[in-house]
């Protein structure tokens, strides 16, 4: 009985490791094609706009989401001083890696001067 349990457990664990590990990935840059590091990238549920996963871009402006469940999503990129960039809605089936078209952040926003008086 112990040998049978061991064999079944080993088989189940080996099957888990053979499942495909697909991902959603892409790139974010400015409207003039400048890449940004440390852009906040959010994977949002398209049905109710709840946050599913979050990450940041690397030095090349690239991001990646691993182990995403099938569903409808959109990706939102944001960085302080720039307007948000949003992808189209993605219908993800989870079977293959999915590359998203490049998301552009709109031009920088400068704040006006602030004077604090005590």
PDB file of N, CA and C in Angstrom:
ATOM      1  N   UNK A   1       0.824  -1.196   0.000  1.00  0.00           N
ATOM      2  CA  UNK A   1       0.000   0.000   0.000  1.00  0.00           C
ATOM      3  C   UNK A   1       0.871   1.263   0.000  1.00  0.00           C
ATOM      4  N   UNK A   2       1.940   1.269   0.789  1.00  0.00           N
ATOM      5  CA  UNK A   2       2.829   2.431   0.830  1.00  0.00           C
ATOM      6  C   UNK A   2       3.499   2.645  -0.520  1.00  0.00           C
ATOM      7  N   UNK A   3       3.872   1.538  -1.188  1.00  0.00           N
ATOM      8  CA  UNK A   3       4.513   1.665  -2.501  1.00  0.00           C
ATOM      9  C   UNK A   3       3.538   2.250  -3.520  1.00  0.00           C
ATOM     10  N   UNK A   4       2.279   1.817  -3.451  1.00  0.00           N
ATOM     11  CA  UNK A   4       1.272   2.325  -4.377  1.00  0.00           C
ATOM     12  C   UNK A   4       1.050   3.828  -4.173  1.00  0.00           C
ATOM     13  N   UNK A   5       0.951   4.251  -2.933  1.00  0.00           N
ATOM     14  CA  UNK A   5       0.789   5.684  -2.633  1.00  0.00           C
ATOM     15  C   UNK A   5       1.983   6.481  -3.131  1.00  0.00           C
ATOM     16  N   UNK A   6       3.177   5.951  -2.950  1.00  0.00           N
ATOM     17  CA  UNK A   6       4.392   6.620  -3.398  1.00  0.00           C
ATOM     18  C   UNK A   6       4.401   6.753  -4.921  1.00  0.00           C
ATOM     19  N   UNK A   7       4.025   5.689  -5.626  1.00  0.00           N
ATOM     20  CA  UNK A   7       4.007   5.708  -7.088  1.00  0.00           C
ATOM     21  C   UNK A   7       2.971   6.713  -7.601  1.00  0.00           C
ATOM     22  N   UNK A   8       1.786   6.714  -7.012  1.00  0.00           N
ATOM     23  CA  UNK A   8       0.739   7.639  -7.436  1.00  0.00           C
ATOM     24  C   UNK A   8       1.159   9.084  -7.163  1.00  0.00           C
ATOM     25  N   UNK A   9       1.710   9.347  -6.005  1.00  0.00           N
ATOM     26  CA  UNK A   9       2.161  10.694  -5.663  1.00  0.00           C
ATOM     27  C   UNK A   9       3.264  11.164  -6.605  1.00  0.00           C
ATOM     28  N   UNK A  10       4.212  10.304  -6.899  1.00  0.00           N
ATOM     29  CA  UNK A  10       5.301  10.643  -7.815  1.00  0.00           C
ATOM     30  C   UNK A  10       4.758  10.941  -9.210  1.00  0.00           C
ATOM     31  N   UNK A  11       3.805  10.143  -9.667  1.00  0.00           N
ATOM     32  CA  UNK A  11       3.212  10.360 -10.991  1.00  0.00           C
ATOM     33  C   UNK A  11       2.483  11.697 -11.052  1.00  0.00           C
ATOM     34  N   UNK A  12       1.735  12.026 -10.020  1.00  0.00           N
ATOM     35  CA  UNK A  12       1.009  13.295  -9.998  1.00  0.00           C
ATOM     36  C   UNK A  12       1.955  14.490  -9.993  1.00  0.00           C
ATOM     37  N   UNK A  13       3.012  14.402  -9.225  1.00  0.00           N
ATOM     38  CA  UNK A  13       3.978  15.504  -9.174  1.00  0.00           C
ATOM     39  C   UNK A  13       4.702  15.671 -10.501  1.00  0.00           C
ATOM     40  N   UNK A  14       5.014  14.593 -11.175  1.00  0.00           N
ATOM     41  CA  UNK A  14       5.703  14.698 -12.460  1.00  0.00           C
ATOM     42  C   UNK A  14       4.774  15.260 -13.533  1.00  0.00           C
ATOM     43  N   UNK A  15       3.478  14.947 -13.468  1.00  0.00           N
ATOM     44  CA  UNK A  15       2.523  15.515 -14.419  1.00  0.00           C
ATOM     45  C   UNK A  15       2.381  17.018 -14.229  1.00  0.00           C
ATOM     46  N   UNK A  16       2.435  17.462 -12.997  1.00  0.00           N
ATOM     47  CA  UNK A  16       2.313  18.889 -12.717  1.00  0.00           C
ATOM     48  C   UNK A  16       3.465  19.660 -13.348  1.00  0.00           C
ATOM     49  N   UNK A  17       4.658  19.111 -13.330  1.00  0.00           N
ATOM     50  CA  UNK A  17       5.825  19.794 -13.879  1.00  0.00           C
ATOM     51  C   UNK A  17       5.841  19.807 -15.397  1.00  0.00           C
ATOM     52  N   UNK A  18       5.083  18.902 -16.050  1.00  0.00           N
ATOM     53  CA  UNK A  18       5.095  18.857 -17.505  1.00  0.00           C
ATOM     54  C   UNK A  18       4.056  19.771 -18.136  1.00  0.00           C
ATOM     55  N   UNK A  19       3.209  20.411 -17.349  1.00  0.00           N
ATOM     56  CA  UNK A  19       2.226  21.327 -17.909  1.00  0.00           C
ATOM     57  C   UNK A  19       2.934  22.552 -18.479  1.00  0.00           C
ATOM     58  N   UNK A  20       2.386  23.064 -19.561  1.00  0.00           N
ATOM     59  CA  UNK A  20       2.985  24.232 -20.205  1.00  0.00           C
ATOM     60  C   UNK A  20       2.884  25.448 -19.291  1.00  0.00           C
ATOM     61  N   UNK A  21       3.964  26.172 -19.192  1.00  0.00           N
ATOM     62  CA  UNK A  21       3.996  27.406 -18.416  1.00  0.00           C
ATOM     63  C   UNK A  21       3.990  28.565 -19.406  1.00  0.00           C
ATOM     64  N   UNK A  22       2.811  29.059 -19.743  1.00  0.00           N
ATOM     65  CA  UNK A  22       2.709  30.136 -20.717  1.00  0.00           C
ATOM     66  C   UNK A  22       2.746  31.491 -20.021  1.00  0.00           C
ATOM     67  N   UNK A  23       3.002  32.532 -20.815  1.00  0.00           N
ATOM     68  CA  UNK A  23       3.149  33.866 -20.240  1.00  0.00           C
ATOM     69  C   UNK A  23       2.588  34.914 -21.188  1.00  0.00           C
ATOM     70  N   UNK A  24       2.313  36.074 -20.630  1.00  0.00           N
ATOM     71  CA  UNK A  24       1.936  37.262 -21.391  1.00  0.00           C
ATOM     72  C   UNK A  24       3.094  38.244 -21.238  1.00  0.00           C
ATOM     73  N   UNK A  25       3.582  38.774 -22.357  1.00  0.00           N
ATOM     74  CA  UNK A  25       4.728  39.680 -22.275  1.00  0.00           C
ATOM     75  C   UNK A  25       4.612  40.779 -23.327  1.00  0.00           C
ATOM     76  N   UNK A  26       5.395  41.830 -23.138  1.00  0.00           N
ATOM     77  CA  UNK A  26       5.382  42.939 -24.081  1.00  0.00           C
ATOM     78  C   UNK A  26       6.381  44.007 -23.693  1.00  0.00           C
ATOM     79  N   UNK A  27       6.195  45.190 -24.265  1.00  0.00           N
ATOM     80  CA  UNK A  27       7.142  46.288 -24.073  1.00  0.00           C
ATOM     81  C   UNK A  27       6.369  47.598 -23.939  1.00  0.00           C
ATOM     82  N   UNK A  28       6.928  48.509 -23.157  1.00  0.00           N
ATOM     83  CA  UNK A  28       6.337  49.842 -22.974  1.00  0.00           C
ATOM     84  C   UNK A  28       7.394  50.893 -23.297  1.00  0.00           C
ATOM     85  N   UNK A  29       6.996  51.907 -24.062  1.00  0.00           N
ATOM     86  CA  UNK A  29       7.899  53.026 -24.348  1.00  0.00           C
ATOM     87  C   UNK A  29       7.096  54.311 -24.455  1.00  0.00           C
ATOM     88  N   UNK A  30       7.804  55.426 -24.641  1.00  0.00           N
ATOM     89  CA  UNK A  30       7.122  56.713 -24.798  1.00  0.00           C
ATOM     90  C   UNK A  30       6.687  56.869 -26.249  1.00  0.00           C
ATOM     91  N   UNK A  31       5.950  57.924 -26.532  1.00  0.00           N
ATOM     92  CA  UNK A  31       5.497  58.155 -27.905  1.00  0.00           C
ATOM     93  C   UNK A  31       6.655  58.435 -28.861  1.00  0.00           C
ATOM     94  N   UNK A  32       7.829  58.833 -28.331  1.00  0.00           N
ATOM     95  CA  UNK A  32       9.005  59.034 -29.187  1.00  0.00           C
ATOM     96  C   UNK A  32       9.959  57.835 -29.134  1.00  0.00           C
ATOM     97  N   UNK A  33       9.457  56.675 -28.730  1.00  0.00           N
ATOM     98  CA  UNK A  33      10.179  55.393 -28.695  1.00  0.00           C
ATOM     99  C   UNK A  33      11.294  55.310 -27.660  1.00  0.00           C
ATOM    100  N   UNK A  34      11.282  56.154 -26.649  1.00  0.00           N
ATOM    101  CA  UNK A  34      12.229  56.044 -25.548  1.00  0.00           C
ATOM    102  C   UNK A  34      11.742  54.952 -24.604  1.00  0.00           C
ATOM    103  N   UNK A  35      12.630  54.022 -24.254  1.00  0.00           N
ATOM    104  CA  UNK A  35      12.225  52.967 -23.319  1.00  0.00           C
ATOM    105  C   UNK A  35      12.394  53.454 -21.888  1.00  0.00           C
ATOM    106  N   UNK A  36      11.549  52.937 -21.009  1.00  0.00           N
ATOM    107  CA  UNK A  36      11.573  53.326 -19.607  1.00  0.00           C
ATOM    108  C   UNK A  36      11.794  52.109 -18.728  1.00  0.00           C
ATOM    109  N   UNK A  37      12.578  52.305 -17.690  1.00  0.00           N
ATOM    110  CA  UNK A  37      12.777  51.287 -16.666  1.00  0.00           C
ATOM    111  C   UNK A  37      11.848  51.608 -15.495  1.00  0.00           C
ATOM    112  N   UNK A  38      11.378  50.587 -14.826  1.00  0.00           N
ATOM    113  CA  UNK A  38      10.544  50.710 -13.619  1.00  0.00           C
ATOM    114  C   UNK A  38       9.157  51.306 -13.874  1.00  0.00           C
ATOM    115  N   UNK A  39       8.585  51.058 -15.043  1.00  0.00           N
ATOM    116  CA  UNK A  39       7.195  51.448 -15.294  1.00  0.00           C
ATOM    117  C   UNK A  39       6.296  50.440 -14.579  1.00  0.00           C
ATOM    118  N   UNK A  40       5.273  50.915 -13.880  1.00  0.00           N
ATOM    119  CA  UNK A  40       4.300  50.015 -13.251  1.00  0.00           C
ATOM    120  C   UNK A  40       3.422  49.424 -14.342  1.00  0.00           C
ATOM    121  N   UNK A  41       3.345  48.091 -14.386  1.00  0.00           N
ATOM    122  CA  UNK A  41       2.543  47.406 -15.391  1.00  0.00           C
ATOM    123  C   UNK A  41       1.519  46.546 -14.663  1.00  0.00           C
ATOM    124  N   UNK A  42       0.240  46.772 -14.966  1.00  0.00           N
ATOM    125  CA  UNK A  42      -0.847  46.084 -14.280  1.00  0.00           C
ATOM    126  C   UNK A  42      -1.636  45.233 -15.263  1.00  0.00           C
ATOM    127  N   UNK A  43      -1.878  43.982 -14.899  1.00  0.00           N
ATOM    128  CA  UNK A  43      -2.758  43.101 -15.663  1.00  0.00           C
ATOM    129  C   UNK A  43      -4.129  43.200 -15.020  1.00  0.00           C
ATOM    130  N   UNK A  44      -5.097  43.749 -15.757  1.00  0.00           N
ATOM    131  CA  UNK A  44      -6.420  44.046 -15.216  1.00  0.00           C
ATOM    132  C   UNK A  44      -7.476  43.144 -15.850  1.00  0.00           C
ATOM    133  N   UNK A  45      -8.436  42.727 -15.043  1.00  0.00           N
ATOM    134  CA  UNK A  45      -9.564  41.950 -15.534  1.00  0.00           C
ATOM    135  C   UNK A  45     -10.449  42.873 -16.372  1.00  0.00           C
ATOM    136  N   UNK A  46     -10.731  42.481 -17.603  1.00  0.00           N
ATOM    137  CA  UNK A  46     -11.506  43.341 -18.504  1.00  0.00           C
ATOM    138  C   UNK A  46     -12.971  43.448 -18.099  1.00  0.00           C
ATOM    139  N   UNK A  47     -13.483  42.468 -17.370  1.00  0.00           N
ATOM    140  CA  UNK A  47     -14.901  42.479 -17.011  1.00  0.00           C
ATOM    141  C   UNK A  47     -15.219  43.445 -15.884  1.00  0.00           C
ATOM    142  N   UNK A  48     -14.367  43.491 -14.863  1.00  0.00           N
ATOM    143  CA  UNK A  48     -14.662  44.346 -13.705  1.00  0.00           C
ATOM    144  C   UNK A  48     -13.501  45.258 -13.310  1.00  0.00           C
ATOM    145  N   UNK A  49     -12.481  45.345 -14.122  1.00  0.00           N
ATOM    146  CA  UNK A  49     -11.289  46.188 -13.931  1.00  0.00           C
ATOM    147  C   UNK A  49     -10.567  45.947 -12.610  1.00  0.00           C
ATOM    148  N   UNK A  50     -10.651  44.748 -12.067  1.00  0.00           N
ATOM    149  CA  UNK A  50      -9.882  44.435 -10.864  1.00  0.00           C
ATOM    150  C   UNK A  50      -8.457  44.068 -11.245  1.00  0.00           C
ATOM    151  N   UNK A  51      -7.534  44.337 -10.336  1.00  0.00           N
ATOM    152  CA  UNK A  51      -6.134  44.011 -10.547  1.00  0.00           C
ATOM    153  C   UNK A  51      -5.930  42.510 -10.413  1.00  0.00           C
ATOM    154  N   UNK A  52      -5.284  41.895 -11.409  1.00  0.00           N
ATOM    155  CA  UNK A  52      -4.986  40.468 -11.381  1.00  0.00           C
ATOM    156  C   UNK A  52      -3.533  40.252 -10.971  1.00  0.00           C
ATOM    157  N   UNK A  53      -2.611  40.946 -11.633  1.00  0.00           N
ATOM    158  CA  UNK A  53      -1.183  40.853 -11.318  1.00  0.00           C
ATOM    159  C   UNK A  53      -0.521  42.188 -11.630  1.00  0.00           C
ATOM    160  N   UNK A  54       0.627  42.402 -11.035  1.00  0.00           N
ATOM    161  CA  UNK A  54       1.393  43.604 -11.298  1.00  0.00           C
ATOM    162  C   UNK A  54       2.868  43.295 -11.392  1.00  0.00           C
ATOM    163  N   UNK A  55       3.592  44.101 -12.146  1.00  0.00           N
ATOM    164  CA  UNK A  55       5.036  43.952 -12.282  1.00  0.00           C
ATOM    165  C   UNK A  55       5.614  45.303 -12.703  1.00  0.00           C
ATOM    166  N   UNK A  56       6.921  45.356 -12.928  1.00  0.00           N
ATOM    167  CA  UNK A  56       7.571  46.559 -13.446  1.00  0.00           C
ATOM    168  C   UNK A  56       8.416  46.180 -14.654  1.00  0.00           C
ATOM    169  N   UNK A  57       8.705  47.174 -15.486  1.00  0.00           N
ATOM    170  CA  UNK A  57       9.524  46.914 -16.666  1.00  0.00           C
ATOM    171  C   UNK A  57      10.997  46.836 -16.289  1.00  0.00           C
ATOM    172  N   UNK A  58      11.756  46.130 -17.129  1.00  0.00           N
ATOM    173  CA  UNK A  58      13.202  46.042 -16.935  1.00  0.00           C
ATOM    174  C   UNK A  58      13.878  47.218 -17.655  1.00  0.00           C
ATOM    175  N   UNK A  59      15.196  47.168 -17.786  1.00  0.00           N
ATOM    176  CA  UNK A  59      15.945  48.278 -18.385  1.00  0.00           C
ATOM    177  C   UNK A  59      15.641  48.470 -19.871  1.00  0.00           C
ATOM    178  N   UNK A  60      15.045  47.469 -20.516  1.00  0.00           N
ATOM    179  CA  UNK A  60      14.688  47.566 -21.928  1.00  0.00           C
ATOM    180  C   UNK A  60      13.211  47.898 -22.138  1.00  0.00           C
ATOM    181  N   UNK A  61      12.501  48.175 -21.042  1.00  0.00           N
ATOM    182  CA  UNK A  61      11.084  48.487 -21.131  1.00  0.00           C
ATOM    183  C   UNK A  61      10.201  47.265 -21.301  1.00  0.00           C
ATOM    184  N   UNK A  62      10.730  46.083 -21.003  1.00  0.00           N
ATOM    185  CA  UNK A  62       9.980  44.842 -21.190  1.00  0.00           C
ATOM    186  C   UNK A  62       9.371  44.371 -19.878  1.00  0.00           C
ATOM    187  N   UNK A  63       8.203  43.730 -19.983  1.00  0.00           N
ATOM    188  CA  UNK A  63       7.516  43.171 -18.817  1.00  0.00           C
ATOM    189  C   UNK A  63       7.043  41.764 -19.145  1.00  0.00           C
ATOM    190  N   UNK A  64       6.675  41.023 -18.098  1.00  0.00           N
ATOM    191  CA  UNK A  64       6.235  39.639 -18.283  1.00  0.00           C
ATOM    192  C   UNK A  64       5.333  39.220 -17.130  1.00  0.00           C
ATOM    193  N   UNK A  65       4.238  38.551 -17.459  1.00  0.00           N
ATOM    194  CA  UNK A  65       3.343  37.957 -16.468  1.00  0.00           C
ATOM    195  C   UNK A  65       3.346  36.448 -16.680  1.00  0.00           C
ATOM    196  N   UNK A  66       3.719  35.690 -15.658  1.00  0.00           N
ATOM    197  CA  UNK A  66       3.735  34.230 -15.731  1.00  0.00           C
ATOM    198  C   UNK A  66       2.496  33.648 -15.074  1.00  0.00           C
ATOM    199  N   UNK A  67       2.138  32.437 -15.497  1.00  0.00           N
ATOM    200  CA  UNK A  67       1.057  31.658 -14.875  1.00  0.00           C
ATOM    201  C   UNK A  67      -0.251  32.436 -14.785  1.00  0.00           C
ATOM    202  N   UNK A  68      -0.702  32.954 -15.903  1.00  0.00           N
ATOM    203  CA  UNK A  68      -1.952  33.712 -15.961  1.00  0.00           C
ATOM    204  C   UNK A  68      -3.086  32.763 -16.344  1.00  0.00           C
ATOM    205  N   UNK A  69      -4.167  32.808 -15.603  1.00  0.00           N
ATOM    206  CA  UNK A  69      -5.337  31.987 -15.911  1.00  0.00           C
ATOM    207  C   UNK A  69      -6.025  32.505 -17.170  1.00  0.00           C
ATOM    208  N   UNK A  70      -6.678  31.627 -17.931  1.00  0.00           N
ATOM    209  CA  UNK A  70      -7.425  32.084 -19.106  1.00  0.00           C
ATOM    210  C   UNK A  70      -8.494  33.108 -18.714  1.00  0.00           C
ATOM    211  N   UNK A  71      -8.711  34.086 -19.589  1.00  0.00           N
ATOM    212  CA  UNK A  71      -9.707  35.115 -19.320  1.00  0.00           C
ATOM    213  C   UNK A  71      -9.521  36.315 -20.224  1.00  0.00           C
ATOM    214  N   UNK A  72     -10.314  37.348 -19.997  1.00  0.00           N
ATOM    215  CA  UNK A  72     -10.222  38.598 -20.752  1.00  0.00           C
ATOM    216  C   UNK A  72      -9.536  39.644 -19.883  1.00  0.00           C
ATOM    217  N   UNK A  73      -8.485  40.237 -20.416  1.00  0.00           N
ATOM    218  CA  UNK A  73      -7.664  41.174 -19.660  1.00  0.00           C
ATOM    219  C   UNK A  73      -7.325  42.391 -20.515  1.00  0.00           C
ATOM    220  N   UNK A  74      -6.828  43.424 -19.854  1.00  0.00           N
ATOM    221  CA  UNK A  74      -6.121  44.500 -20.530  1.00  0.00           C
ATOM    222  C   UNK A  74      -4.935  44.869 -19.661  1.00  0.00           C
ATOM    223  N   UNK A  75      -3.944  45.503 -20.274  1.00  0.00           N
ATOM    224  CA  UNK A  75      -2.713  45.859 -19.566  1.00  0.00           C
ATOM    225  C   UNK A  75      -2.624  47.375 -19.500  1.00  0.00           C
ATOM    226  N   UNK A  76      -2.281  47.860 -18.318  1.00  0.00           N
ATOM    227  CA  UNK A  76      -2.173  49.298 -18.079  1.00  0.00           C
ATOM    228  C   UNK A  76      -0.758  49.602 -17.600  1.00  0.00           C
ATOM    229  N   UNK A  77      -0.109  50.558 -18.251  1.00  0.00           N
ATOM    230  CA  UNK A  77       1.216  51.001 -17.842  1.00  0.00           C
ATOM    231  C   UNK A  77       1.140  52.408 -17.293  1.00  0.00           C
ATOM    232  N   UNK A  78       1.856  52.659 -16.196  1.00  0.00           N
ATOM    233  CA  UNK A  78       1.844  54.009 -15.625  1.00  0.00           C
ATOM    234  C   UNK A  78       3.202  54.337 -15.028  1.00  0.00           C
ATOM    235  N   UNK A  79       3.538  55.620 -15.113  1.00  0.00           N
ATOM    236  CA  UNK A  79       4.800  56.115 -14.567  1.00  0.00           C
ATOM    237  C   UNK A  79       4.577  57.561 -14.151  1.00  0.00           C
ATOM    238  N   UNK A  80       5.148  57.942 -13.025  1.00  0.00           N
ATOM    239  CA  UNK A  80       4.989  59.299 -12.516  1.00  0.00           C
ATOM    240  C   UNK A  80       5.472  60.298 -13.569  1.00  0.00           C
ATOM    241  N   UNK A  81       4.649  61.295 -13.842  1.00  0.00           N
ATOM    242  CA  UNK A  81       5.012  62.324 -14.800  1.00  0.00           C
ATOM    243  C   UNK A  81       4.580  62.030 -16.224  1.00  0.00           C
ATOM    244  N   UNK A  82       3.984  60.873 -16.472  1.00  0.00           N
ATOM    245  CA  UNK A  82       3.534  60.502 -17.810  1.00  0.00           C
ATOM    246  C   UNK A  82       2.089  60.035 -17.755  1.00  0.00           C
ATOM    247  N   UNK A  83       1.396  60.177 -18.877  1.00  0.00           N
ATOM    248  CA  UNK A  83       0.032  59.672 -18.967  1.00  0.00           C
ATOM    249  C   UNK A  83       0.032  58.155 -19.056  1.00  0.00           C
ATOM    250  N   UNK A  84      -1.066  57.535 -18.648  1.00  0.00           N
ATOM    251  CA  UNK A  84      -1.178  56.080 -18.687  1.00  0.00           C
ATOM    252  C   UNK A  84      -1.249  55.564 -20.119  1.00  0.00           C
ATOM    253  N   UNK A  85      -0.740  54.353 -20.310  1.00  0.00           N
ATOM    254  CA  UNK A  85      -0.885  53.641 -21.575  1.00  0.00           C
ATOM    255  C   UNK A  85      -1.699  52.386 -21.324  1.00  0.00           C
ATOM    256  N   UNK A  86      -2.658  52.102 -22.196  1.00  0.00           N
ATOM    257  CA  UNK A  86      -3.551  50.958 -21.996  1.00  0.00           C
ATOM    258  C   UNK A  86      -3.613  50.141 -23.279  1.00  0.00           C
ATOM    259  N   UNK A  87      -3.567  48.821 -23.132  1.00  0.00           N
ATOM    260  CA  UNK A  87      -3.673  47.926 -24.285  1.00  0.00           C
ATOM    261  C   UNK A  87      -5.133  47.710 -24.654  1.00  0.00           C
ATOM    262  N   UNK A  88      -5.353  47.080 -25.789  1.00  0.00           N
ATOM    263  CA  UNK A  88      -6.687  46.611 -26.149  1.00  0.00           C
ATOM    264  C   UNK A  88      -7.029  45.431 -25.247  1.00  0.00           C
ATOM    265  N   UNK A  89      -8.294  45.024 -25.239  1.00  0.00           N
ATOM    266  CA  UNK A  89      -8.709  43.857 -24.457  1.00  0.00           C
ATOM    267  C   UNK A  89      -8.113  42.603 -25.085  1.00  0.00           C
ATOM    268  N   UNK A  90      -7.600  41.729 -24.231  1.00  0.00           N
ATOM    269  CA  UNK A  90      -6.934  40.499 -24.646  1.00  0.00           C
ATOM    270  C   UNK A  90      -7.785  39.316 -24.210  1.00  0.00           C
ATOM    271  N   UNK A  91      -8.137  38.442 -25.141  1.00  0.00           N
ATOM    272  CA  UNK A  91      -8.793  37.183 -24.781  1.00  0.00           C
ATOM    273  C   UNK A  91      -7.710  36.120 -24.714  1.00  0.00           C
ATOM    274  N   UNK A  92      -7.294  35.786 -23.502  1.00  0.00           N
ATOM    275  CA  UNK A  92      -6.162  34.887 -23.281  1.00  0.00           C
ATOM    276  C   UNK A  92      -6.675  33.493 -22.951  1.00  0.00           C
ATOM    277  N   UNK A  93      -6.200  32.500 -23.717  1.00  0.00           N
ATOM    278  CA  UNK A  93      -6.648  31.119 -23.532  1.00  0.00           C
ATOM    279  C   UNK A  93      -5.668  30.290 -22.712  1.00  0.00           C
ATOM    280  N   UNK A  94      -4.486  30.812 -22.449  1.00  0.00           N
ATOM    281  CA  UNK A  94      -3.532  30.155 -21.571  1.00  0.00           C
ATOM    282  C   UNK A  94      -2.748  29.019 -22.177  1.00  0.00           C
ATOM    283  N   UNK A  95      -2.867  28.782 -23.472  1.00  0.00           N
ATOM    284  CA  UNK A  95      -2.185  27.647 -24.088  1.00  0.00           C
ATOM    285  C   UNK A  95      -0.803  28.006 -24.616  1.00  0.00           C
ATOM    286  N   UNK A  96      -0.603  29.240 -25.018  1.00  0.00           N
ATOM    287  CA  UNK A  96       0.650  29.652 -25.639  1.00  0.00           C
ATOM    288  C   UNK A  96       1.127  30.963 -25.024  1.00  0.00           C
ATOM    289  N   UNK A  97       2.417  31.263 -25.231  1.00  0.00           N
ATOM    290  CA  UNK A  97       2.924  32.574 -24.852  1.00  0.00           C
ATOM    291  C   UNK A  97       2.243  33.612 -25.739  1.00  0.00           C
ATOM    292  N   UNK A  98       1.922  34.751 -25.157  1.00  0.00           N
ATOM    293  CA  UNK A  98       1.219  35.794 -25.901  1.00  0.00           C
ATOM    294  C   UNK A  98       1.990  37.098 -25.795  1.00  0.00           C
ATOM    295  N   UNK A  99       2.434  37.614 -26.949  1.00  0.00           N
ATOM    296  CA  UNK A  99       3.124  38.907 -26.974  1.00  0.00           C
ATOM    297  C   UNK A  99       2.115  40.000 -27.295  1.00  0.00           C
ATOM    298  N   UNK A 100       2.105  41.020 -26.462  1.00  0.00           N
ATOM    299  CA  UNK A 100       1.196  42.148 -26.617  1.00  0.00           C
ATOM    300  C   UNK A 100       1.897  43.235 -27.428  1.00  0.00           C
ATOM    301  N   UNK A 101       1.152  43.913 -28.288  1.00  0.00           N
ATOM    302  CA  UNK A 101       1.754  45.012 -29.042  1.00  0.00           C
ATOM    303  C   UNK A 101       2.240  46.089 -28.068  1.00  0.00           C
ATOM    304  N   UNK A 102       3.237  46.833 -28.491  1.00  0.00           N
ATOM    305  CA  UNK A 102       3.878  47.824 -27.630  1.00  0.00           C
ATOM    306  C   UNK A 102       2.873  48.866 -27.140  1.00  0.00           C
ATOM    307  N   UNK A 103       2.962  49.166 -25.852  1.00  0.00           N
ATOM    308  CA  UNK A 103       2.099  50.166 -25.219  1.00  0.00           C
ATOM    309  C   UNK A 103       2.898  51.462 -25.092  1.00  0.00           C
ATOM    310  N   UNK A 104       2.297  52.580 -25.489  1.00  0.00           N
ATOM    311  CA  UNK A 104       2.979  53.877 -25.421  1.00  0.00           C
ATOM    312  C   UNK A 104       2.426  54.720 -24.283  1.00  0.00           C
ATOM    313  N   UNK A 105       3.345  55.347 -23.544  1.00  0.00           N
ATOM    314  CA  UNK A 105       2.963  56.317 -22.517  1.00  0.00           C
ATOM    315  C   UNK A 105       2.997  57.695 -23.152  1.00  0.00           C
ATOM    316  N   UNK A 106       1.982  58.500 -22.882  1.00  0.00           N
ATOM    317  CA  UNK A 106       1.918  59.841 -23.461  1.00  0.00           C
ATOM    318  C   UNK A 106       2.907  60.769 -22.772  1.00  0.00           C
ATOM    319  N   UNK A 107       3.196  61.896 -23.408  1.00  0.00           N
ATOM    320  CA  UNK A 107       4.209  62.838 -22.959  1.00  0.00           C
ATOM    321  C   UNK A 107       4.175  63.216 -21.495  1.00  0.00           C
ATOM    322  N   UNK A 108       5.314  63.673 -21.031  1.00  0.00           N
ATOM    323  CA  UNK A 108       5.466  64.039 -19.631  1.00  0.00           C
ATOM    324  C   UNK A 108       4.584  65.204 -19.223  1.00  0.00           C
ATOM    325  N   UNK A 109       4.245  65.228 -17.964  1.00  0.00           N
ATOM    326  CA  UNK A 109       3.414  66.289 -17.403  1.00  0.00           C
ATOM    327  C   UNK A 109       4.249  67.043 -16.383  1.00  0.00           C
ATOM    328  N   UNK A 110       4.374  68.350 -16.575  1.00  0.00           N
ATOM    329  CA  UNK A 110       5.115  69.151 -15.609  1.00  0.00           C
ATOM    330  C   UNK A 110       4.135  69.851 -14.690  1.00  0.00           C
ATOM    331  N   UNK A 111       4.423  69.802 -13.419  1.00  0.00           N
ATOM    332  CA  UNK A 111       3.576  70.472 -12.441  1.00  0.00           C
ATOM    333  C   UNK A 111       4.033  71.913 -12.288  1.00  0.00           C
ATOM    334  N   UNK A 112       3.096  72.794 -12.010  1.00  0.00           N
ATOM    335  CA  UNK A 112       3.466  74.190 -11.803  1.00  0.00           C
ATOM    336  C   UNK A 112       4.073  74.360 -10.411  1.00  0.00           C
ATOM    337  N   UNK A 113       4.673  75.495 -10.199  1.00  0.00           N
ATOM    338  CA  UNK A 113       5.348  75.783  -8.937  1.00  0.00           C
ATOM    339  C   UNK A 113       4.358  75.850  -7.781  1.00  0.00           C
ATOM    340  N   UNK A 114       4.784  75.351  -6.644  1.00  0.00           N
ATOM    341  CA  UNK A 114       3.959  75.382  -5.438  1.00  0.00           C
ATOM    342  C   UNK A 114       4.698  76.185  -4.377  1.00  0.00           C
ATOM    343  N   UNK A 115       3.997  77.118  -3.740  1.00  0.00           N
ATOM    344  CA  UNK A 115       4.584  77.917  -2.669  1.00  0.00           C
ATOM    345  C   UNK A 115       3.877  77.553  -1.375  1.00  0.00           C
ATOM    346  N   UNK A 116       4.657  77.180  -0.372  1.00  0.00           N
ATOM    347  CA  UNK A 116       4.098  76.821   0.932  1.00  0.00           C
ATOM    348  C   UNK A 116       4.450  77.930   1.913  1.00  0.00           C
ATOM    349  N   UNK A 117       3.430  78.482   2.550  1.00  0.00           N
ATOM    350  CA  UNK A 117       3.653  79.542   3.534  1.00  0.00           C
ATOM    351  C   UNK A 117       3.201  79.042   4.892  1.00  0.00           C
ATOM    352  N   UNK A 118       3.954  79.413   5.899  1.00  0.00           N
ATOM    353  CA  UNK A 118       3.590  78.991   7.259  1.00  0.00           C
ATOM    354  C   UNK A 118       3.100  80.160   8.069  1.00  0.00           C
TER     355      UNK A 118
END
